[in-house]
Amino acid sequence: MNTALSHEGLGLAYYDLNQFVLFEMQMKKAAALDPSDSTPYFYLGLYRWTIRSDAAGALEFFDKALQLHPGD
């Protein structure tokens, strides 16, 4: 089950368990498996903003998500 969707789901499970390093790894794997999907970048942006209080890092991920899906 090496699909982008399975890695996204696993990443969100890690997020719920406060396992943020594993969450980040899974979202990056999901992004690599499906480069046209904006969802992992959106989740990574939320994580950077809400958990790490890293506005600049969050903005980079949100910008990438918007490049892939301008209508969001």
PDB file of N, CA and C in Angstrom:
ATOM      1  N   MET A   1       0.818  -1.185   0.000  1.00  0.00           N
ATOM      2  CA  MET A   1       0.000   0.000   0.000  1.00  0.00           C
ATOM      3  C   MET A   1       0.866   1.255   0.000  1.00  0.00           C
ATOM      4  N   ASN A   2       1.701   1.330  -0.960  1.00  0.00           N
ATOM      5  CA  ASN A   2       2.591   2.477  -1.089  1.00  0.00           C
ATOM      6  C   ASN A   2       1.955   3.506  -2.020  1.00  0.00           C
ATOM      7  N   THR A   3       0.843   4.086  -1.557  1.00  0.00           N
ATOM      8  CA  THR A   3       0.151   5.097  -2.344  1.00  0.00           C
ATOM      9  C   THR A   3       0.152   6.417  -1.577  1.00  0.00           C
ATOM     10  N   ALA A   4      -0.053   7.493  -2.301  1.00  0.00           N
ATOM     11  CA  ALA A   4      -0.091   8.808  -1.663  1.00  0.00           C
ATOM     12  C   ALA A   4      -1.209   8.861  -0.623  1.00  0.00           C
ATOM     13  N   LEU A   5      -2.359   8.317  -0.955  1.00  0.00           N
ATOM     14  CA  LEU A   5      -3.500   8.361  -0.039  1.00  0.00           C
ATOM     15  C   LEU A   5      -3.229   7.589   1.250  1.00  0.00           C
ATOM     16  N   SER A   6      -2.575   6.438   1.145  1.00  0.00           N
ATOM     17  CA  SER A   6      -2.274   5.671   2.359  1.00  0.00           C
ATOM     18  C   SER A   6      -1.274   6.408   3.243  1.00  0.00           C
ATOM     19  N   HIS A   7      -0.306   7.084   2.637  1.00  0.00           N
ATOM     20  CA  HIS A   7       0.662   7.847   3.428  1.00  0.00           C
ATOM     21  C   HIS A   7       0.014   9.079   4.059  1.00  0.00           C
ATOM     22  N   GLU A   8      -0.931   9.702   3.352  1.00  0.00           N
ATOM     23  CA  GLU A   8      -1.670  10.821   3.944  1.00  0.00           C
ATOM     24  C   GLU A   8      -2.454  10.357   5.157  1.00  0.00           C
ATOM     25  N   GLY A   9      -3.159   9.242   5.019  1.00  0.00           N
ATOM     26  CA  GLY A   9      -3.946   8.705   6.131  1.00  0.00           C
ATOM     27  C   GLY A   9      -3.081   8.340   7.321  1.00  0.00           C
ATOM     28  N   LEU A  10      -1.963   7.699   7.054  1.00  0.00           N
ATOM     29  CA  LEU A  10      -1.039   7.337   8.121  1.00  0.00           C
ATOM     30  C   LEU A  10      -0.469   8.586   8.783  1.00  0.00           C
ATOM     31  N   GLY A  11      -0.143   9.577   7.970  1.00  0.00           N
ATOM     32  CA  GLY A  11       0.371  10.838   8.504  1.00  0.00           C
ATOM     33  C   GLY A  11      -0.630  11.515   9.422  1.00  0.00           C
ATOM     34  N   LEU A  12      -1.898  11.522   9.029  1.00  0.00           N
ATOM     35  CA  LEU A  12      -2.931  12.136   9.878  1.00  0.00           C
ATOM     36  C   LEU A  12      -3.112  11.360  11.178  1.00  0.00           C
ATOM     37  N   ALA A  13      -2.964  10.043  11.121  1.00  0.00           N
ATOM     38  CA  ALA A  13      -3.027   9.248  12.350  1.00  0.00           C
ATOM     39  C   ALA A  13      -1.869   9.620  13.280  1.00  0.00           C
ATOM     40  N   TYR A  14      -0.676   9.766  12.718  1.00  0.00           N
ATOM     41  CA  TYR A  14       0.462  10.193  13.528  1.00  0.00           C
ATOM     42  C   TYR A  14       0.235  11.586  14.107  1.00  0.00           C
ATOM     43  N   TYR A  15      -0.371  12.462  13.339  1.00  0.00           N
ATOM     44  CA  TYR A  15      -0.672  13.817  13.821  1.00  0.00           C
ATOM     45  C   TYR A  15      -1.587  13.751  15.046  1.00  0.00           C
ATOM     46  N   ASP A  16      -2.632  12.922  14.954  1.00  0.00           N
ATOM     47  CA  ASP A  16      -3.561  12.771  16.079  1.00  0.00           C
ATOM     48  C   ASP A  16      -2.878  12.220  17.321  1.00  0.00           C
ATOM     49  N   LEU A  17      -1.818  11.444  17.115  1.00  0.00           N
ATOM     50  CA  LEU A  17      -1.065  10.873  18.232  1.00  0.00           C
ATOM     51  C   LEU A  17       0.079  11.769  18.692  1.00  0.00           C
ATOM     52  N   ASN A  18       0.141  12.984  18.136  1.00  0.00           N
ATOM     53  CA  ASN A  18       1.211  13.934  18.449  1.00  0.00           C
ATOM     54  C   ASN A  18       2.596  13.395  18.105  1.00  0.00           C
ATOM     55  N   GLN A  19       2.658  12.588  17.070  1.00  0.00           N
ATOM     56  CA  GLN A  19       3.920  12.060  16.561  1.00  0.00           C
ATOM     57  C   GLN A  19       4.289  12.875  15.319  1.00  0.00           C
ATOM     58  N   PHE A  20       4.731  14.104  15.548  1.00  0.00           N
ATOM     59  CA  PHE A  20       4.849  15.067  14.477  1.00  0.00           C
ATOM     60  C   PHE A  20       5.994  14.793  13.506  1.00  0.00           C
ATOM     61  N   VAL A  21       7.061  14.184  13.971  1.00  0.00           N
ATOM     62  CA  VAL A  21       8.161  13.837  13.063  1.00  0.00           C
ATOM     63  C   VAL A  21       7.668  12.783  12.063  1.00  0.00           C
ATOM     64  N   LEU A  22       6.937  11.790  12.571  1.00  0.00           N
ATOM     65  CA  LEU A  22       6.404  10.748  11.689  1.00  0.00           C
ATOM     66  C   LEU A  22       5.328  11.315  10.765  1.00  0.00           C
ATOM     67  N   PHE A  23       4.514  12.227  11.272  1.00  0.00           N
ATOM     68  CA  PHE A  23       3.519  12.902  10.442  1.00  0.00           C
ATOM     69  C   PHE A  23       4.191  13.591   9.260  1.00  0.00           C
ATOM     70  N   GLU A  24       5.233  14.360   9.547  1.00  0.00           N
ATOM     71  CA  GLU A  24       5.920  15.106   8.508  1.00  0.00           C
ATOM     72  C   GLU A  24       6.551  14.164   7.476  1.00  0.00           C
ATOM     73  N   MET A  25       7.124  13.077   7.938  1.00  0.00           N
ATOM     74  CA  MET A  25       7.724  12.108   7.021  1.00  0.00           C
ATOM     75  C   MET A  25       6.679  11.519   6.077  1.00  0.00           C
ATOM     76  N   GLN A  26       5.524  11.160   6.621  1.00  0.00           N
ATOM     77  CA  GLN A  26       4.477  10.554   5.802  1.00  0.00           C
ATOM     78  C   GLN A  26       3.898  11.542   4.788  1.00  0.00           C
ATOM     79  N   MET A  27       3.720  12.780   5.194  1.00  0.00           N
ATOM     80  CA  MET A  27       3.199  13.777   4.255  1.00  0.00           C
ATOM     81  C   MET A  27       4.198  14.045   3.126  1.00  0.00           C
ATOM     82  N   LYS A  28       5.469  14.043   3.447  1.00  0.00           N
ATOM     83  CA  LYS A  28       6.481  14.234   2.403  1.00  0.00           C
ATOM     84  C   LYS A  28       6.523  13.040   1.452  1.00  0.00           C
ATOM     85  N   LYS A  29       6.308  11.820   1.976  1.00  0.00           N
ATOM     86  CA  LYS A  29       6.227  10.643   1.113  1.00  0.00           C
ATOM     87  C   LYS A  29       5.002  10.737   0.212  1.00  0.00           C
ATOM     88  N   ALA A  30       3.873  11.171   0.766  1.00  0.00           N
ATOM     89  CA  ALA A  30       2.651  11.315  -0.028  1.00  0.00           C
ATOM     90  C   ALA A  30       2.859  12.334  -1.140  1.00  0.00           C
ATOM     91  N   ALA A  31       3.508  13.443  -0.822  1.00  0.00           N
ATOM     92  CA  ALA A  31       3.771  14.480  -1.825  1.00  0.00           C
ATOM     93  C   ALA A  31       4.692  13.956  -2.925  1.00  0.00           C
ATOM     94  N   ALA A  32       5.659  13.130  -2.563  1.00  0.00           N
ATOM     95  CA  ALA A  32       6.579  12.577  -3.558  1.00  0.00           C
ATOM     96  C   ALA A  32       5.877  11.572  -4.468  1.00  0.00           C
ATOM     97  N   LEU A  33       4.939  10.815  -3.913  1.00  0.00           N
ATOM     98  CA  LEU A  33       4.240   9.808  -4.707  1.00  0.00           C
ATOM     99  C   LEU A  33       3.206  10.410  -5.651  1.00  0.00           C
ATOM    100  N   ASP A  34       2.632  11.547  -5.279  1.00  0.00           N
ATOM    101  CA  ASP A  34       1.657  12.220  -6.130  1.00  0.00           C
ATOM    102  C   ASP A  34       1.959  13.716  -6.145  1.00  0.00           C
ATOM    103  N   PRO A  35       2.901  14.134  -6.977  1.00  0.00           N
ATOM    104  CA  PRO A  35       3.333  15.530  -6.991  1.00  0.00           C
ATOM    105  C   PRO A  35       2.245  16.532  -7.377  1.00  0.00           C
ATOM    106  N   SER A  36       1.151  16.072  -7.952  1.00  0.00           N
ATOM    107  CA  SER A  36       0.081  16.989  -8.348  1.00  0.00           C
ATOM    108  C   SER A  36      -0.960  17.190  -7.254  1.00  0.00           C
ATOM    109  N   ASP A  37      -0.835  16.487  -6.140  1.00  0.00           N
ATOM    110  CA  ASP A  37      -1.796  16.585  -5.035  1.00  0.00           C
ATOM    111  C   ASP A  37      -1.372  17.699  -4.079  1.00  0.00           C
ATOM    112  N   SER A  38      -2.264  18.632  -3.843  1.00  0.00           N
ATOM    113  CA  SER A  38      -1.955  19.755  -2.954  1.00  0.00           C
ATOM    114  C   SER A  38      -2.205  19.441  -1.478  1.00  0.00           C
ATOM    115  N   THR A  39      -2.909  18.366  -1.194  1.00  0.00           N
ATOM    116  CA  THR A  39      -3.318  18.055   0.176  1.00  0.00           C
ATOM    117  C   THR A  39      -2.157  17.921   1.156  1.00  0.00           C
ATOM    118  N   PRO A  40      -1.097  17.169   0.837  1.00  0.00           N
ATOM    119  CA  PRO A  40      -0.002  17.058   1.805  1.00  0.00           C
ATOM    120  C   PRO A  40       0.621  18.415   2.155  1.00  0.00           C
ATOM    121  N   TYR A  41       0.728  19.279   1.157  1.00  0.00           N
ATOM    122  CA  TYR A  41       1.309  20.599   1.406  1.00  0.00           C
ATOM    123  C   TYR A  41       0.401  21.444   2.300  1.00  0.00           C
ATOM    124  N   PHE A  42      -0.898  21.300   2.109  1.00  0.00           N
ATOM    125  CA  PHE A  42      -1.852  22.003   2.957  1.00  0.00           C
ATOM    126  C   PHE A  42      -1.716  21.539   4.408  1.00  0.00           C
ATOM    127  N   TYR A  43      -1.682  20.231   4.615  1.00  0.00           N
ATOM    128  CA  TYR A  43      -1.539  19.699   5.973  1.00  0.00           C
ATOM    129  C   TYR A  43      -0.205  20.099   6.598  1.00  0.00           C
ATOM    130  N   LEU A  44       0.852  20.069   5.811  1.00  0.00           N
ATOM    131  CA  LEU A  44       2.154  20.493   6.330  1.00  0.00           C
ATOM    132  C   LEU A  44       2.144  21.970   6.702  1.00  0.00           C
ATOM    133  N   GLY A  45       1.455  22.779   5.918  1.00  0.00           N
ATOM    134  CA  GLY A  45       1.322  24.197   6.251  1.00  0.00           C
ATOM    135  C   GLY A  45       0.567  24.404   7.550  1.00  0.00           C
ATOM    136  N   LEU A  46      -0.541  23.679   7.718  1.00  0.00           N
ATOM    137  CA  LEU A  46      -1.293  23.784   8.978  1.00  0.00           C
ATOM    138  C   LEU A  46      -0.434  23.373  10.171  1.00  0.00           C
ATOM    139  N   TYR A  47       0.306  22.304   9.991  1.00  0.00           N
ATOM    140  CA  TYR A  47       1.189  21.826  11.059  1.00  0.00           C
ATOM    141  C   TYR A  47       2.236  22.876  11.413  1.00  0.00           C
ATOM    142  N   ARG A  48       2.873  23.436  10.398  1.00  0.00           N
ATOM    143  CA  ARG A  48       3.902  24.443  10.666  1.00  0.00           C
ATOM    144  C   ARG A  48       3.305  25.656  11.380  1.00  0.00           C
ATOM    145  N   TRP A  49       2.101  26.034  11.021  1.00  0.00           N
ATOM    146  CA  TRP A  49       1.477  27.213  11.608  1.00  0.00           C
ATOM    147  C   TRP A  49       0.964  26.929  13.027  1.00  0.00           C
ATOM    148  N   THR A  50       0.212  25.845  13.211  1.00  0.00           N
ATOM    149  CA  THR A  50      -0.465  25.615  14.489  1.00  0.00           C
ATOM    150  C   THR A  50       0.420  24.952  15.542  1.00  0.00           C
ATOM    151  N   ILE A  51       1.281  24.062  15.138  1.00  0.00           N
ATOM    152  CA  ILE A  51       2.089  23.312  16.116  1.00  0.00           C
ATOM    153  C   ILE A  51       3.448  23.970  16.321  1.00  0.00           C
ATOM    154  N   ARG A  52       4.099  24.348  15.244  1.00  0.00           N
ATOM    155  CA  ARG A  52       5.460  24.888  15.364  1.00  0.00           C
ATOM    156  C   ARG A  52       5.513  26.407  15.386  1.00  0.00           C
ATOM    157  N   SER A  53       4.376  27.066  15.167  1.00  0.00           N
ATOM    158  CA  SER A  53       4.312  28.536  15.121  1.00  0.00           C
ATOM    159  C   SER A  53       5.353  29.112  14.161  1.00  0.00           C
ATOM    160  N   ASP A  54       5.497  28.444  13.029  1.00  0.00           N
ATOM    161  CA  ASP A  54       6.468  28.824  12.009  1.00  0.00           C
ATOM    162  C   ASP A  54       5.714  29.416  10.818  1.00  0.00           C
ATOM    163  N   ALA A  55       5.457  30.708  10.868  1.00  0.00           N
ATOM    164  CA  ALA A  55       4.667  31.351   9.823  1.00  0.00           C
ATOM    165  C   ALA A  55       5.363  31.287   8.469  1.00  0.00           C
ATOM    166  N   ALA A  56       6.663  31.504   8.430  1.00  0.00           N
ATOM    167  CA  ALA A  56       7.392  31.473   7.160  1.00  0.00           C
ATOM    168  C   ALA A  56       7.367  30.077   6.541  1.00  0.00           C
ATOM    169  N   GLY A  57       7.574  29.062   7.365  1.00  0.00           N
ATOM    170  CA  GLY A  57       7.518  27.686   6.869  1.00  0.00           C
ATOM    171  C   GLY A  57       6.130  27.314   6.400  1.00  0.00           C
ATOM    172  N   ALA A  58       5.118  27.748   7.146  1.00  0.00           N
ATOM    173  CA  ALA A  58       3.732  27.473   6.756  1.00  0.00           C
ATOM    174  C   ALA A  58       3.414  28.126   5.428  1.00  0.00           C
ATOM    175  N   LEU A  59       3.868  29.348   5.251  1.00  0.00           N
ATOM    176  CA  LEU A  59       3.598  30.079   4.014  1.00  0.00           C
ATOM    177  C   LEU A  59       4.203  29.369   2.808  1.00  0.00           C
ATOM    178  N   GLU A  60       5.370  28.783   2.963  1.00  0.00           N
ATOM    179  CA  GLU A  60       5.997  28.043   1.861  1.00  0.00           C
ATOM    180  C   GLU A  60       5.127  26.863   1.437  1.00  0.00           C
ATOM    181  N   PHE A  61       4.617  26.130   2.426  1.00  0.00           N
ATOM    182  CA  PHE A  61       3.768  24.986   2.106  1.00  0.00           C
ATOM    183  C   PHE A  61       2.432  25.431   1.529  1.00  0.00           C
ATOM    184  N   PHE A  62       1.842  26.481   2.069  1.00  0.00           N
ATOM    185  CA  PHE A  62       0.580  26.976   1.537  1.00  0.00           C
ATOM    186  C   PHE A  62       0.759  27.507   0.109  1.00  0.00           C
ATOM    187  N   ASP A  63       1.876  28.170  -0.150  1.00  0.00           N
ATOM    188  CA  ASP A  63       2.154  28.638  -1.508  1.00  0.00           C
ATOM    189  C   ASP A  63       2.249  27.472  -2.491  1.00  0.00           C
ATOM    190  N   LYS A  64       2.919  26.410  -2.081  1.00  0.00           N
ATOM    191  CA  LYS A  64       3.047  25.222  -2.935  1.00  0.00           C
ATOM    192  C   LYS A  64       1.672  24.606  -3.189  1.00  0.00           C
ATOM    193  N   ALA A  65       0.849  24.522  -2.146  1.00  0.00           N
ATOM    194  CA  ALA A  65      -0.499  23.974  -2.304  1.00  0.00           C
ATOM    195  C   ALA A  65      -1.314  24.813  -3.274  1.00  0.00           C
ATOM    196  N   LEU A  66      -1.187  26.127  -3.193  1.00  0.00           N
ATOM    197  CA  LEU A  66      -1.939  27.003  -4.094  1.00  0.00           C
ATOM    198  C   LEU A  66      -1.412  26.950  -5.522  1.00  0.00           C
ATOM    199  N   GLN A  67      -0.130  26.726  -5.694  1.00  0.00           N
ATOM    200  CA  GLN A  67       0.415  26.562  -7.046  1.00  0.00           C
ATOM    201  C   GLN A  67      -0.202  25.332  -7.716  1.00  0.00           C
ATOM    202  N   LEU A  68      -0.374  24.267  -6.930  1.00  0.00           N
ATOM    203  CA  LEU A  68      -0.918  23.040  -7.480  1.00  0.00           C
ATOM    204  C   LEU A  68      -2.431  23.104  -7.670  1.00  0.00           C
ATOM    205  N   HIS A  69      -3.102  23.864  -6.824  1.00  0.00           N
ATOM    206  CA  HIS A  69      -4.569  23.941  -6.841  1.00  0.00           C
ATOM    207  C   HIS A  69      -4.987  25.389  -6.617  1.00  0.00           C
ATOM    208  N   PRO A  70      -4.880  26.244  -7.607  1.00  0.00           N
ATOM    209  CA  PRO A  70      -5.143  27.671  -7.423  1.00  0.00           C
ATOM    210  C   PRO A  70      -6.570  27.991  -6.962  1.00  0.00           C
ATOM    211  N   GLY A  71      -7.511  27.104  -7.190  1.00  0.00           N
ATOM    212  CA  GLY A  71      -8.891  27.371  -6.809  1.00  0.00           C
ATOM    213  C   GLY A  71      -9.193  27.177  -5.334  1.00  0.00           C
ATOM    214  N   ASP A  72      -8.259  26.645  -4.592  1.00  0.00           N
ATOM    215  CA  ASP A  72      -8.496  26.387  -3.150  1.00  0.00           C
ATOM    216  C   ASP A  72      -8.388  27.649  -2.333  1.00  0.00           C
TER     217      ASP A  72
END
